[in-house]
Amino acid sequence: MIVARVEKDRTRNSTRGINTSDTTVARTNYAMGITGRDATVAVQLYDLARKELAVNARFEGSSENARPMLSTLQPRGTTEITVEGQSPVPPDEPGYPGVPELAMALQQPFRNFARILPGSTKAPSSPPVER
């Protein structure tokens, strides 16, 4: 029998600049809005035949959504920002994308759990969290 419990579910927002290596033209007035979700899950595997805990582990995972948005930072030496064409985010939207589903943040932790089970031929991509 497997029992899993989400111990931590946290969302975050951040902004990342768009590099000239990301596009053919430097866009100092645009940035990427990032919404992320971080989760920790505790997983226990019980051996019902022996009536004992066989595996007990904690894993961390995360997922992010990103989309272009207007930057609040103005380029040096300018007093206004000129945007060519349409803005990538409608004015009535705050700019950050929606929060990723919890299942997306837990996808890698559950894969890692499967990899630590007896008989697995693959090592986990990240070790269980020690606490």
Foldseek 3Di string as FASTA:
>chain_A
DKDKDWPDKDKDKDWAADDCVNDVDHDRFKIKIKIKIKIKMWMWDADVVVRGTDDTFIAIFMDMDIDMFTDPDDDPPDDDDDDPDDTRDPPVDPRHDDYDDPCVRCVLVVVQVVCPDPPHPDHRPDDTDDD
